[in-house]
Amino acid sequence: MMQFDAMYLILRRNQLTAMGIREKELRRALRCCLVRVRRGRYTLSQLCEDPAHSVLHAAAGDPAVTLAREEGGLRGETEALRRQIATRREDLPPGAVFSHLSAALIHDLPLVTVPGTTVEAVQAGRARRRAGWRIWDREVPPDQREVNGGYRVTTRVRTLADVARDHPLLLSVPMLDSAFREEPALIASFRELTAREVPLRFRSAADAAFVLSDPLRESPAESVCAVRFLEYGLCGFEPQARIVGAQGEETARVDFLHRESKVVVEVDGEAKYTLGGRDRDDSFRAEREREYAIRNLGYRVYRLRWSDLFRAKVFLQIRHAMMTESAAAG
């Protein structure tokens, strides 16, 4: 389990003033090495060569300090949420702990989408929303809170339960799959905690996430694919299924297999072809040969990229193929 990598140097406006960074110099620094995270809070994006900013670099001299990276897509959205969590560590209300998606990020659980940069926490009292915060009104017993990397946060299993209860399957299932794969003991802990802590009227969402979860899936992309199968009514797919040849020899292990219709779904990712230091070209070549062997056994193969997981067309094609093949077999 990784520690939350968000040791940003968070600087307040009055600190910058005390360092000699006045308004004009602040505007210059924001075009150079400083990033405004939220009102009155700044952090560093790089160690520049401008001597006027050397005081900032001295404050960030520790190599453990995290520099704000400017990235696009999901990584950029995750980075933006990390910064917001970091700027609010000292502003966490008394008795509150980071929770839900914020806690998931602190616990290094996968986020397949980031619905904004609102920081989530739980605190007994009253639920409220305010600038940049969502505070959930809930009790968190001492055994369900901890400190991770200096952040007060709900425990891993409590975080999973909160996300499963309050967020869509698209967010909760990849987290459950990953956590259950890494720590199988969490499966029983999750069930016990949700049965004890989640009121019956709210338990259906957590139960649905648990039923759909499967630690056999090997990546968040496969987890998203499983959620999409449910959304499009595609039932009966086995994860990490083995295909055997005419003589009973194993031909391949595939991400998803619908045996009745002989439909295979593979979820691709760039990292899939370079794991273990493998050469990408050799991996692509071996993958093509493997796919030919699967097709020669009469299977129809659909290869999905990450972007395909968020489009209806390919899942409608898969459903049509399943219905066509099943009808032909009948």
C-alpha atoms as a PDB file:
ATOM      1  CA  MET A   1       0.000   0.000   0.000  1.00  0.00           C
ATOM      2  CA  MET A   2       1.474   3.325  -1.071  1.00  0.00           C
ATOM      3  CA  GLN A   3       1.520   6.410   1.107  1.00  0.00           C
ATOM      4  CA  PHE A   4      -0.399   9.392  -0.202  1.00  0.00           C
ATOM      5  CA  ASP A   5       2.056  11.301  -2.378  1.00  0.00           C
ATOM      6  CA  ALA A   6       0.862  14.831  -1.791  1.00  0.00           C
ATOM      7  CA  MET A   7       3.501  16.538   0.328  1.00  0.00           C
ATOM      8  CA  TYR A   8       3.000  19.841  -1.428  1.00  0.00           C
ATOM      9  CA  LEU A   9       4.506  22.995  -0.021  1.00  0.00           C
ATOM     10  CA  ILE A  10       1.320  24.942   0.676  1.00  0.00           C
ATOM     11  CA  LEU A  11       1.929  28.666   1.048  1.00  0.00           C
ATOM     12  CA  ARG A  12      -0.598  31.191   2.284  1.00  0.00           C
ATOM     13  CA  ARG A  13      -0.771  34.730   0.912  1.00  0.00           C
ATOM     14  CA  ASN A  14       0.530  36.243   4.150  1.00  0.00           C
ATOM     15  CA  GLN A  15       3.491  33.849   4.110  1.00  0.00           C
ATOM     16  CA  LEU A  16       4.424  34.987   0.611  1.00  0.00           C
ATOM     17  CA  THR A  17       4.196  38.602   1.736  1.00  0.00           C
ATOM     18  CA  ALA A  18       6.489  37.832   4.684  1.00  0.00           C
ATOM     19  CA  MET A  19       8.955  36.273   2.223  1.00  0.00           C
ATOM     20  CA  GLY A  20       9.032  39.512   0.244  1.00  0.00           C
ATOM     21  CA  ILE A  21       6.754  38.312  -2.576  1.00  0.00           C
ATOM     22  CA  ARG A  22       4.577  41.365  -3.142  1.00  0.00           C
ATOM     23  CA  GLU A  23       1.664  41.643  -5.584  1.00  0.00           C
ATOM     24  CA  LYS A  24       3.736  42.410  -8.683  1.00  0.00           C
ATOM     25  CA  GLU A  25       6.218  39.616  -7.967  1.00  0.00           C
ATOM     26  CA  LEU A  26       3.362  37.240  -7.155  1.00  0.00           C
ATOM     27  CA  ARG A  27       1.920  37.784 -10.639  1.00  0.00           C
ATOM     28  CA  ARG A  28       5.349  37.061 -12.143  1.00  0.00           C
ATOM     29  CA  ALA A  29       5.743  33.930 -10.053  1.00  0.00           C
ATOM     30  CA  LEU A  30       2.316  32.672 -11.137  1.00  0.00           C
ATOM     31  CA  ARG A  31       3.550  32.826 -14.735  1.00  0.00           C
ATOM     32  CA  CYS A  32       6.691  30.961 -13.751  1.00  0.00           C
ATOM     33  CA  CYS A  33       6.902  28.554 -10.832  1.00  0.00           C
ATOM     34  CA  LEU A  34       3.910  29.202  -8.564  1.00  0.00           C
ATOM     35  CA  VAL A  35       0.417  27.699  -8.879  1.00  0.00           C
ATOM     36  CA  ARG A  36      -2.715  29.093  -7.258  1.00  0.00           C
ATOM     37  CA  VAL A  37      -4.600  26.128  -5.813  1.00  0.00           C
ATOM     38  CA  ARG A  38      -7.475  28.077  -4.270  1.00  0.00           C
ATOM     39  CA  ARG A  39      -8.053  31.522  -2.842  1.00  0.00           C
ATOM     40  CA  GLY A  40      -5.063  32.488  -0.710  1.00  0.00           C
ATOM     41  CA  ARG A  41      -3.290  29.111  -1.178  1.00  0.00           C
ATOM     42  CA  TYR A  42      -0.356  28.488  -3.504  1.00  0.00           C
ATOM     43  CA  THR A  43       2.140  25.752  -4.268  1.00  0.00           C
ATOM     44  CA  LEU A  44       5.180  25.260  -6.493  1.00  0.00           C
ATOM     45  CA  SER A  45       5.212  23.675  -9.932  1.00  0.00           C
ATOM     46  CA  GLN A  46       8.975  23.844 -10.534  1.00  0.00           C
ATOM     47  CA  LEU A  47      12.255  25.165  -9.186  1.00  0.00           C
ATOM     48  CA  CYS A  48      12.980  27.981 -11.615  1.00  0.00           C
ATOM     49  CA  GLU A  49      16.199  29.964 -12.085  1.00  0.00           C
ATOM     50  CA  ASP A  50      14.757  33.387 -11.307  1.00  0.00           C
ATOM     51  CA  PRO A  51      16.811  34.735  -8.348  1.00  0.00           C
ATOM     52  CA  ALA A  52      13.759  36.686  -7.119  1.00  0.00           C
ATOM     53  CA  HIS A  53      12.064  33.334  -6.435  1.00  0.00           C
ATOM     54  CA  SER A  54      14.974  31.722  -4.617  1.00  0.00           C
ATOM     55  CA  VAL A  55      13.213  32.222  -1.287  1.00  0.00           C
ATOM     56  CA  LEU A  56      10.430  29.955  -2.534  1.00  0.00           C
ATOM     57  CA  HIS A  57      12.866  27.300  -3.632  1.00  0.00           C
ATOM     58  CA  ALA A  58      14.622  27.373  -0.283  1.00  0.00           C
ATOM     59  CA  ALA A  59      11.303  26.631   1.384  1.00  0.00           C
ATOM     60  CA  ALA A  60      10.862  23.654  -0.967  1.00  0.00           C
ATOM     61  CA  GLY A  61      14.403  22.380  -0.573  1.00  0.00           C
ATOM     62  CA  ASP A  62      13.345  19.019   0.884  1.00  0.00           C
ATOM     63  CA  PRO A  63      13.390  16.415  -1.928  1.00  0.00           C
ATOM     64  CA  ALA A  64      10.227  14.880  -0.422  1.00  0.00           C
ATOM     65  CA  VAL A  65       8.229  17.971  -1.426  1.00  0.00           C
ATOM     66  CA  THR A  66       5.777  17.247  -4.250  1.00  0.00           C
ATOM     67  CA  LEU A  67       5.791  19.689  -7.164  1.00  0.00           C
ATOM     68  CA  ALA A  68       2.471  20.420  -8.855  1.00  0.00           C
ATOM     69  CA  ARG A  69       2.429  18.689 -12.231  1.00  0.00           C
ATOM     70  CA  GLU A  70       0.435  20.119 -15.110  1.00  0.00           C
ATOM     71  CA  GLU A  71      -1.168  17.164 -16.891  1.00  0.00           C
ATOM     72  CA  GLY A  72      -4.255  16.561 -18.970  1.00  0.00           C
ATOM     73  CA  GLY A  73      -7.056  14.036 -18.793  1.00  0.00           C
ATOM     74  CA  LEU A  74      -7.675  11.840 -15.768  1.00  0.00           C
ATOM     75  CA  ARG A  75      -4.171  12.379 -14.385  1.00  0.00           C
ATOM     76  CA  GLY A  76      -4.652  16.123 -14.425  1.00  0.00           C
ATOM     77  CA  GLU A  77      -8.053  15.842 -12.741  1.00  0.00           C
ATOM     78  CA  THR A  78      -6.586  13.563 -10.062  1.00  0.00           C
ATOM     79  CA  GLU A  79      -3.689  15.967  -9.565  1.00  0.00           C
ATOM     80  CA  ALA A  80      -6.116  18.856  -9.086  1.00  0.00           C
ATOM     81  CA  LEU A  81      -8.015  16.940  -6.392  1.00  0.00           C
ATOM     82  CA  ARG A  82      -4.736  16.020  -4.673  1.00  0.00           C
ATOM     83  CA  ARG A  83      -3.845  19.690  -4.417  1.00  0.00           C
ATOM     84  CA  GLN A  84      -7.212  20.564  -2.944  1.00  0.00           C
ATOM     85  CA  ILE A  85      -6.857  17.838  -0.308  1.00  0.00           C
ATOM     86  CA  ALA A  86      -3.354  19.045   0.532  1.00  0.00           C
ATOM     87  CA  THR A  87      -4.472  22.664   0.976  1.00  0.00           C
ATOM     88  CA  ARG A  88      -7.253  21.584   3.323  1.00  0.00           C
ATOM     89  CA  ARG A  89      -5.282  19.329   5.641  1.00  0.00           C
ATOM     90  CA  GLU A  90      -4.826  22.136   8.173  1.00  0.00           C
ATOM     91  CA  ASP A  91      -8.401  23.397   7.636  1.00  0.00           C
ATOM     92  CA  LEU A  92     -10.100  20.084   8.431  1.00  0.00           C
ATOM     93  CA  PRO A  93     -12.928  20.833  10.913  1.00  0.00           C
ATOM     94  CA  PRO A  94     -12.454  19.634  14.506  1.00  0.00           C
ATOM     95  CA  GLY A  95     -13.250  15.933  14.843  1.00  0.00           C
ATOM     96  CA  ALA A  96     -13.593  15.492  11.078  1.00  0.00           C
ATOM     97  CA  VAL A  97     -11.615  13.101   8.859  1.00  0.00           C
ATOM     98  CA  PHE A  98     -11.166  12.964   5.101  1.00  0.00           C
ATOM     99  CA  SER A  99     -13.596  10.472   3.568  1.00  0.00           C
ATOM    100  CA  HIS A 100     -15.120   9.059   0.387  1.00  0.00           C
ATOM    101  CA  LEU A 101     -13.190   9.906  -2.812  1.00  0.00           C
ATOM    102  CA  SER A 102     -10.715  12.104  -0.948  1.00  0.00           C
ATOM    103  CA  ALA A 103      -9.918   9.244   1.418  1.00  0.00           C
ATOM    104  CA  ALA A 104      -9.748   6.847  -1.536  1.00  0.00           C
ATOM    105  CA  LEU A 105      -7.065   8.978  -3.130  1.00  0.00           C
ATOM    106  CA  ILE A 106      -5.136   9.131   0.145  1.00  0.00           C
ATOM    107  CA  HIS A 107      -5.341   5.320   0.369  1.00  0.00           C
ATOM    108  CA  ASP A 108      -4.139   4.960  -3.249  1.00  0.00           C
ATOM    109  CA  LEU A 109      -7.388   3.374  -4.399  1.00  0.00           C
ATOM    110  CA  PRO A 110      -8.057   3.803  -8.131  1.00  0.00           C
ATOM    111  CA  LEU A 111     -10.226   6.676  -9.346  1.00  0.00           C
ATOM    112  CA  VAL A 112     -11.418   6.002 -12.890  1.00  0.00           C
ATOM    113  CA  THR A 113     -13.081   9.398 -13.078  1.00  0.00           C
ATOM    114  CA  VAL A 114     -12.868  12.492 -10.893  1.00  0.00           C
ATOM    115  CA  PRO A 115     -16.207  14.308 -10.512  1.00  0.00           C
ATOM    116  CA  GLY A 116     -14.768  17.689  -9.628  1.00  0.00           C
ATOM    117  CA  THR A 117     -12.374  18.892  -6.942  1.00  0.00           C
ATOM    118  CA  THR A 118     -14.728  19.036  -3.968  1.00  0.00           C
ATOM    119  CA  VAL A 119     -12.970  17.602  -0.910  1.00  0.00           C
ATOM    120  CA  GLU A 120     -15.044  15.158   1.133  1.00  0.00           C
ATOM    121  CA  ALA A 121     -14.955  14.621   4.889  1.00  0.00           C
ATOM    122  CA  VAL A 122     -17.184  13.197   7.620  1.00  0.00           C
ATOM    123  CA  GLN A 123     -18.047  14.900  10.891  1.00  0.00           C
ATOM    124  CA  ALA A 124     -20.790  14.163  13.376  1.00  0.00           C
ATOM    125  CA  GLY A 125     -23.237  17.050  13.581  1.00  0.00           C
ATOM    126  CA  ARG A 126     -24.809  18.267  10.368  1.00  0.00           C
ATOM    127  CA  ALA A 127     -24.200  17.730   6.708  1.00  0.00           C
ATOM    128  CA  ARG A 128     -23.123  20.809   4.810  1.00  0.00           C
ATOM    129  CA  ARG A 129     -21.526  22.053   1.646  1.00  0.00           C
ATOM    130  CA  ARG A 130     -19.293  25.069   1.524  1.00  0.00           C
ATOM    131  CA  ALA A 131     -16.601  26.388  -0.776  1.00  0.00           C
ATOM    132  CA  GLY A 132     -14.631  23.356  -1.886  1.00  0.00           C
ATOM    133  CA  TRP A 133     -15.979  21.055   0.877  1.00  0.00           C
ATOM    134  CA  ARG A 134     -18.653  18.412   1.232  1.00  0.00           C
ATOM    135  CA  ILE A 135     -19.077  17.394   4.867  1.00  0.00           C
ATOM    136  CA  TRP A 136     -21.111  14.234   5.512  1.00  0.00           C
ATOM    137  CA  ASP A 137     -22.920  14.015   8.859  1.00  0.00           C
ATOM    138  CA  ARG A 138     -21.820  10.652  10.236  1.00  0.00           C
ATOM    139  CA  GLU A 139     -20.185   9.113  13.242  1.00  0.00           C
ATOM    140  CA  VAL A 140     -16.768   7.570  12.649  1.00  0.00           C
ATOM    141  CA  PRO A 141     -15.701   5.300  15.523  1.00  0.00           C
ATOM    142  CA  PRO A 142     -12.039   5.406  16.587  1.00  0.00           C
ATOM    143  CA  ASP A 143     -11.340   2.018  14.958  1.00  0.00           C
ATOM    144  CA  GLN A 144     -12.500   3.403  11.584  1.00  0.00           C
ATOM    145  CA  ARG A 145     -10.164   6.405  11.486  1.00  0.00           C
ATOM    146  CA  GLU A 146      -6.394   6.649  11.127  1.00  0.00           C
ATOM    147  CA  VAL A 147      -3.569   8.940  10.046  1.00  0.00           C
ATOM    148  CA  ASN A 148      -2.025   8.304   6.630  1.00  0.00           C
ATOM    149  CA  GLY A 149       0.920  10.475   5.588  1.00  0.00           C
ATOM    150  CA  GLY A 150      -0.160  13.160   8.050  1.00  0.00           C
ATOM    151  CA  TYR A 151      -3.780  13.164   6.849  1.00  0.00           C
ATOM    152  CA  ARG A 152      -6.651  12.276   9.212  1.00  0.00           C
ATOM    153  CA  VAL A 153      -8.719   9.854   7.189  1.00  0.00           C
ATOM    154  CA  THR A 154     -11.262   7.048   7.374  1.00  0.00           C
ATOM    155  CA  THR A 155      -9.695   3.573   7.289  1.00  0.00           C
ATOM    156  CA  ARG A 156      -9.428   1.721   4.028  1.00  0.00           C
ATOM    157  CA  VAL A 157     -12.461  -0.504   4.676  1.00  0.00           C
ATOM    158  CA  ARG A 158     -14.595   2.397   5.940  1.00  0.00           C
ATOM    159  CA  THR A 159     -13.603   4.377   2.837  1.00  0.00           C
ATOM    160  CA  LEU A 160     -14.720   1.523   0.595  1.00  0.00           C
ATOM    161  CA  ALA A 161     -18.040   1.306   2.441  1.00  0.00           C
ATOM    162  CA  ASP A 162     -18.671   5.052   2.170  1.00  0.00           C
ATOM    163  CA  VAL A 163     -17.861   5.145  -1.545  1.00  0.00           C
ATOM    164  CA  ALA A 164     -20.031   2.084  -2.230  1.00  0.00           C
ATOM    165  CA  ARG A 165     -22.912   3.650  -0.309  1.00  0.00           C
ATOM    166  CA  ASP A 166     -22.790   7.165  -1.739  1.00  0.00           C
ATOM    167  CA  HIS A 167     -21.146   7.040  -5.176  1.00  0.00           C
ATOM    168  CA  PRO A 168     -21.980   5.287  -8.483  1.00  0.00           C
ATOM    169  CA  LEU A 169     -20.814   1.767  -9.347  1.00  0.00           C
ATOM    170  CA  LEU A 170     -18.423   3.251 -11.886  1.00  0.00           C
ATOM    171  CA  LEU A 171     -16.407   4.646  -8.957  1.00  0.00           C
ATOM    172  CA  SER A 172     -16.980   2.006  -6.281  1.00  0.00           C
ATOM    173  CA  VAL A 173     -16.484  -1.248  -8.199  1.00  0.00           C
ATOM    174  CA  PRO A 174     -12.918  -0.536  -9.450  1.00  0.00           C
ATOM    175  CA  MET A 175     -11.952   0.367  -5.861  1.00  0.00           C
ATOM    176  CA  LEU A 176     -13.486  -2.800  -4.428  1.00  0.00           C
ATOM    177  CA  ASP A 177     -11.863  -4.985  -7.092  1.00  0.00           C
ATOM    178  CA  SER A 178      -8.441  -3.455  -6.460  1.00  0.00           C
ATOM    179  CA  ALA A 179      -8.698  -3.562  -2.651  1.00  0.00           C
ATOM    180  CA  PHE A 180     -10.064  -7.115  -2.529  1.00  0.00           C
ATOM    181  CA  ARG A 181      -7.349  -8.296  -4.917  1.00  0.00           C
ATOM    182  CA  GLU A 182      -4.587  -6.735  -2.802  1.00  0.00           C
ATOM    183  CA  GLU A 183      -6.084  -7.597   0.609  1.00  0.00           C
ATOM    184  CA  PRO A 184      -8.532 -10.545   0.463  1.00  0.00           C
ATOM    185  CA  ALA A 185      -9.274 -10.129   4.183  1.00  0.00           C
ATOM    186  CA  LEU A 186     -11.054  -6.873   3.338  1.00  0.00           C
ATOM    187  CA  ILE A 187     -13.886  -8.828   1.707  1.00  0.00           C
ATOM    188  CA  ALA A 188     -15.210 -10.112   5.030  1.00  0.00           C
ATOM    189  CA  SER A 189     -14.420  -6.814   6.768  1.00  0.00           C
ATOM    190  CA  PHE A 190     -16.387  -4.865   4.152  1.00  0.00           C
ATOM    191  CA  ARG A 191     -19.434  -7.120   4.468  1.00  0.00           C
ATOM    192  CA  GLU A 192     -19.365  -6.977   8.245  1.00  0.00           C
ATOM    193  CA  LEU A 193     -18.967  -3.192   8.354  1.00  0.00           C
ATOM    194  CA  THR A 194     -21.714  -2.438   5.823  1.00  0.00           C
ATOM    195  CA  ALA A 195     -24.138  -4.818   7.580  1.00  0.00           C
ATOM    196  CA  ARG A 196     -23.440  -3.146  10.927  1.00  0.00           C
ATOM    197  CA  GLU A 197     -22.971   0.523   9.990  1.00  0.00           C
ATOM    198  CA  VAL A 198     -25.041   1.230   6.876  1.00  0.00           C
ATOM    199  CA  PRO A 199     -28.775   1.767   7.557  1.00  0.00           C
ATOM    200  CA  LEU A 200     -30.984  -0.703   5.718  1.00  0.00           C
ATOM    201  CA  ARG A 201     -32.563   1.974   3.500  1.00  0.00           C
ATOM    202  CA  PHE A 202     -29.106   2.901   2.149  1.00  0.00           C
ATOM    203  CA  ARG A 203     -27.630  -0.577   1.957  1.00  0.00           C
ATOM    204  CA  SER A 204     -28.819  -1.527  -1.524  1.00  0.00           C
ATOM    205  CA  ALA A 205     -26.129   0.578  -3.222  1.00  0.00           C
ATOM    206  CA  ALA A 206     -23.324  -0.941  -1.123  1.00  0.00           C
ATOM    207  CA  ASP A 207     -24.719  -4.439  -1.703  1.00  0.00           C
ATOM    208  CA  ALA A 208     -24.931  -3.850  -5.456  1.00  0.00           C
ATOM    209  CA  ALA A 209     -21.275  -2.758  -5.566  1.00  0.00           C
ATOM    210  CA  PHE A 210     -20.212  -5.795  -3.553  1.00  0.00           C
ATOM    211  CA  VAL A 211     -22.166  -8.245  -5.735  1.00  0.00           C
ATOM    212  CA  LEU A 212     -20.633  -6.796  -8.888  1.00  0.00           C
ATOM    213  CA  SER A 213     -17.074  -6.726  -7.486  1.00  0.00           C
ATOM    214  CA  ASP A 214     -14.605  -9.466  -8.401  1.00  0.00           C
ATOM    215  CA  PRO A 215     -10.922  -9.574  -7.366  1.00  0.00           C
ATOM    216  CA  LEU A 216     -10.150 -11.697 -10.439  1.00  0.00           C
ATOM    217  CA  ARG A 217     -10.248  -8.580 -12.576  1.00  0.00           C
ATOM    218  CA  GLU A 218      -6.730  -7.309 -13.064  1.00  0.00           C
ATOM    219  CA  SER A 219      -7.164  -3.614 -13.815  1.00  0.00           C
ATOM    220  CA  PRO A 220      -9.524  -0.682 -13.254  1.00  0.00           C
ATOM    221  CA  ALA A 221     -10.339  -0.796 -16.982  1.00  0.00           C
ATOM    222  CA  GLU A 222     -11.666  -4.351 -16.595  1.00  0.00           C
ATOM    223  CA  SER A 223     -13.735  -3.205 -13.623  1.00  0.00           C
ATOM    224  CA  VAL A 224     -15.235  -0.357 -15.659  1.00  0.00           C
ATOM    225  CA  CYS A 225     -16.008  -2.839 -18.426  1.00  0.00           C
ATOM    226  CA  ALA A 226     -17.897  -5.048 -15.956  1.00  0.00           C
ATOM    227  CA  VAL A 227     -19.989  -2.053 -14.855  1.00  0.00           C
ATOM    228  CA  ARG A 228     -20.753  -1.277 -18.502  1.00  0.00           C
ATOM    229  CA  PHE A 229     -21.841  -4.883 -19.066  1.00  0.00           C
ATOM    230  CA  LEU A 230     -24.401  -4.433 -16.283  1.00  0.00           C
ATOM    231  CA  GLU A 231     -25.597  -1.101 -17.655  1.00  0.00           C
ATOM    232  CA  TYR A 232     -26.192  -2.604 -21.097  1.00  0.00           C
ATOM    233  CA  GLY A 233     -27.746  -5.831 -19.804  1.00  0.00           C
ATOM    234  CA  LEU A 234     -24.830  -8.032 -20.898  1.00  0.00           C
ATOM    235  CA  CYS A 235     -24.901 -10.935 -18.435  1.00  0.00           C
ATOM    236  CA  GLY A 236     -22.822 -14.095 -18.160  1.00  0.00           C
ATOM    237  CA  PHE A 237     -19.300 -12.802 -18.857  1.00  0.00           C
ATOM    238  CA  GLU A 238     -16.573 -14.642 -16.915  1.00  0.00           C
ATOM    239  CA  PRO A 239     -13.475 -12.645 -15.921  1.00  0.00           C
ATOM    240  CA  GLN A 240     -10.009 -14.047 -16.622  1.00  0.00           C
ATOM    241  CA  ALA A 241     -11.496 -17.102 -18.341  1.00  0.00           C
ATOM    242  CA  ARG A 242      -9.459 -19.874 -19.947  1.00  0.00           C
ATOM    243  CA  ILE A 243     -10.064 -21.075 -23.511  1.00  0.00           C
ATOM    244  CA  VAL A 244      -9.011 -24.611 -24.439  1.00  0.00           C
ATOM    245  CA  GLY A 245      -8.380 -26.133 -27.856  1.00  0.00           C
ATOM    246  CA  ALA A 246      -9.805 -29.239 -29.480  1.00  0.00           C
ATOM    247  CA  GLN A 247      -7.354 -31.487 -27.612  1.00  0.00           C
ATOM    248  CA  GLY A 248      -8.037 -29.853 -24.258  1.00  0.00           C
ATOM    249  CA  GLU A 249      -4.880 -27.764 -24.354  1.00  0.00           C
ATOM    250  CA  GLU A 250      -5.035 -24.219 -22.997  1.00  0.00           C
ATOM    251  CA  THR A 251      -5.034 -21.732 -25.851  1.00  0.00           C
ATOM    252  CA  ALA A 252      -5.477 -18.451 -23.992  1.00  0.00           C
ATOM    253  CA  ARG A 253      -6.685 -16.687 -20.894  1.00  0.00           C
ATOM    254  CA  VAL A 254      -8.955 -13.774 -21.799  1.00  0.00           C
ATOM    255  CA  ASP A 255     -10.254 -10.790 -19.856  1.00  0.00           C
ATOM    256  CA  PHE A 256     -13.924 -11.687 -20.387  1.00  0.00           C
ATOM    257  CA  LEU A 257     -15.628 -14.672 -21.992  1.00  0.00           C
ATOM    258  CA  HIS A 258     -19.293 -15.342 -22.710  1.00  0.00           C
ATOM    259  CA  ARG A 259     -19.187 -19.083 -23.303  1.00  0.00           C
ATOM    260  CA  GLU A 260     -22.704 -19.562 -24.648  1.00  0.00           C
ATOM    261  CA  SER A 261     -22.258 -17.080 -27.495  1.00  0.00           C
ATOM    262  CA  LYS A 262     -18.468 -17.592 -27.782  1.00  0.00           C
ATOM    263  CA  VAL A 263     -17.825 -13.852 -27.448  1.00  0.00           C
ATOM    264  CA  VAL A 264     -14.492 -12.669 -26.043  1.00  0.00           C
ATOM    265  CA  VAL A 265     -13.857  -9.138 -24.760  1.00  0.00           C
ATOM    266  CA  GLU A 266     -10.293  -7.961 -24.185  1.00  0.00           C
ATOM    267  CA  VAL A 267      -9.594  -4.624 -22.503  1.00  0.00           C
ATOM    268  CA  ASP A 268      -6.339  -3.133 -23.738  1.00  0.00           C
ATOM    269  CA  GLY A 269      -3.939  -0.748 -22.086  1.00  0.00           C
ATOM    270  CA  GLU A 270      -0.465   0.387 -23.080  1.00  0.00           C
ATOM    271  CA  ALA A 271       0.999  -0.987 -19.837  1.00  0.00           C
ATOM    272  CA  LYS A 272      -0.400  -4.414 -20.659  1.00  0.00           C
ATOM    273  CA  TYR A 273       2.233  -4.867 -23.355  1.00  0.00           C
ATOM    274  CA  THR A 274       5.253  -3.704 -21.375  1.00  0.00           C
ATOM    275  CA  LEU A 275       4.751  -5.428 -18.017  1.00  0.00           C
ATOM    276  CA  GLY A 276       7.805  -7.210 -16.679  1.00  0.00           C
ATOM    277  CA  GLY A 277      10.097  -5.295 -19.009  1.00  0.00           C
ATOM    278  CA  ARG A 278       8.697  -6.983 -22.118  1.00  0.00           C
ATOM    279  CA  ASP A 279       9.382  -5.455 -25.509  1.00  0.00           C
ATOM    280  CA  ARG A 280       6.221  -3.794 -26.794  1.00  0.00           C
ATOM    281  CA  ASP A 281       6.626  -4.993 -30.409  1.00  0.00           C
ATOM    282  CA  ASP A 282       7.208  -8.575 -29.284  1.00  0.00           C
ATOM    283  CA  SER A 283       4.164  -8.352 -27.026  1.00  0.00           C
ATOM    284  CA  PHE A 284       1.971  -7.017 -29.843  1.00  0.00           C
ATOM    285  CA  ARG A 285       3.162  -9.818 -32.121  1.00  0.00           C
ATOM    286  CA  ALA A 286       2.450 -12.488 -29.516  1.00  0.00           C
ATOM    287  CA  GLU A 287      -0.954 -10.930 -28.834  1.00  0.00           C
ATOM    288  CA  ARG A 288      -1.907 -11.072 -32.532  1.00  0.00           C
ATOM    289  CA  GLU A 289      -0.911 -14.739 -32.745  1.00  0.00           C
ATOM    290  CA  ARG A 290      -2.925 -15.478 -29.613  1.00  0.00           C
ATOM    291  CA  GLU A 291      -5.966 -13.697 -31.061  1.00  0.00           C
ATOM    292  CA  TYR A 292      -5.717 -15.661 -34.331  1.00  0.00           C
ATOM    293  CA  ALA A 293      -5.727 -18.883 -32.337  1.00  0.00           C
ATOM    294  CA  ILE A 294      -8.839 -17.775 -30.424  1.00  0.00           C
ATOM    295  CA  ARG A 295     -10.670 -16.781 -33.612  1.00  0.00           C
ATOM    296  CA  ASN A 296      -9.748 -20.091 -35.263  1.00  0.00           C
ATOM    297  CA  LEU A 297     -11.629 -21.843 -32.462  1.00  0.00           C
ATOM    298  CA  GLY A 298     -14.789 -19.986 -33.470  1.00  0.00           C
ATOM    299  CA  TYR A 299     -14.745 -17.130 -30.975  1.00  0.00           C
ATOM    300  CA  ARG A 300     -15.611 -13.540 -31.846  1.00  0.00           C
ATOM    301  CA  VAL A 301     -13.129 -11.126 -30.242  1.00  0.00           C
ATOM    302  CA  TYR A 302     -13.819  -7.526 -29.262  1.00  0.00           C
ATOM    303  CA  ARG A 303     -10.800  -5.493 -28.226  1.00  0.00           C
ATOM    304  CA  LEU A 304     -11.670  -2.386 -26.203  1.00  0.00           C
ATOM    305  CA  ARG A 305      -9.498   0.634 -25.501  1.00  0.00           C
ATOM    306  CA  TRP A 306     -10.051   2.908 -22.517  1.00  0.00           C
ATOM    307  CA  SER A 307     -12.030   5.410 -24.602  1.00  0.00           C
ATOM    308  CA  ASP A 308     -14.322   2.610 -25.864  1.00  0.00           C
ATOM    309  CA  LEU A 309     -15.487   1.962 -22.310  1.00  0.00           C
ATOM    310  CA  PHE A 310     -17.333   5.287 -22.362  1.00  0.00           C
ATOM    311  CA  ARG A 311     -19.109   4.786 -25.697  1.00  0.00           C
ATOM    312  CA  ALA A 312     -22.374   2.969 -26.292  1.00  0.00           C
ATOM    313  CA  LYS A 313     -21.597   1.719 -29.794  1.00  0.00           C
ATOM    314  CA  VAL A 314     -19.210  -1.100 -28.944  1.00  0.00           C
ATOM    315  CA  PHE A 315     -21.447  -2.509 -26.185  1.00  0.00           C
ATOM    316  CA  LEU A 316     -24.435  -2.482 -28.505  1.00  0.00           C
ATOM    317  CA  GLN A 317     -22.305  -4.393 -31.040  1.00  0.00           C
ATOM    318  CA  ILE A 318     -21.348  -6.928 -28.377  1.00  0.00           C
ATOM    319  CA  ARG A 319     -24.989  -7.377 -27.391  1.00  0.00           C
ATOM    320  CA  HIS A 320     -25.968  -7.913 -31.030  1.00  0.00           C
ATOM    321  CA  ALA A 321     -23.212 -10.510 -31.460  1.00  0.00           C
ATOM    322  CA  MET A 322     -24.297 -12.337 -28.289  1.00  0.00           C
ATOM    323  CA  MET A 323     -27.919 -12.472 -29.440  1.00  0.00           C
ATOM    324  CA  THR A 324     -26.959 -13.546 -32.963  1.00  0.00           C
ATOM    325  CA  GLU A 325     -24.610 -16.316 -31.833  1.00  0.00           C
ATOM    326  CA  SER A 326     -27.003 -17.579 -29.157  1.00  0.00           C
ATOM    327  CA  ALA A 327     -29.856 -17.706 -31.679  1.00  0.00           C
ATOM    328  CA  ALA A 328     -27.695 -19.593 -34.170  1.00  0.00           C
ATOM    329  CA  ALA A 329     -26.630 -22.087 -31.512  1.00  0.00           C
ATOM    330  CA  GLY A 330     -30.272 -22.602 -30.462  1.00  0.00           C
END
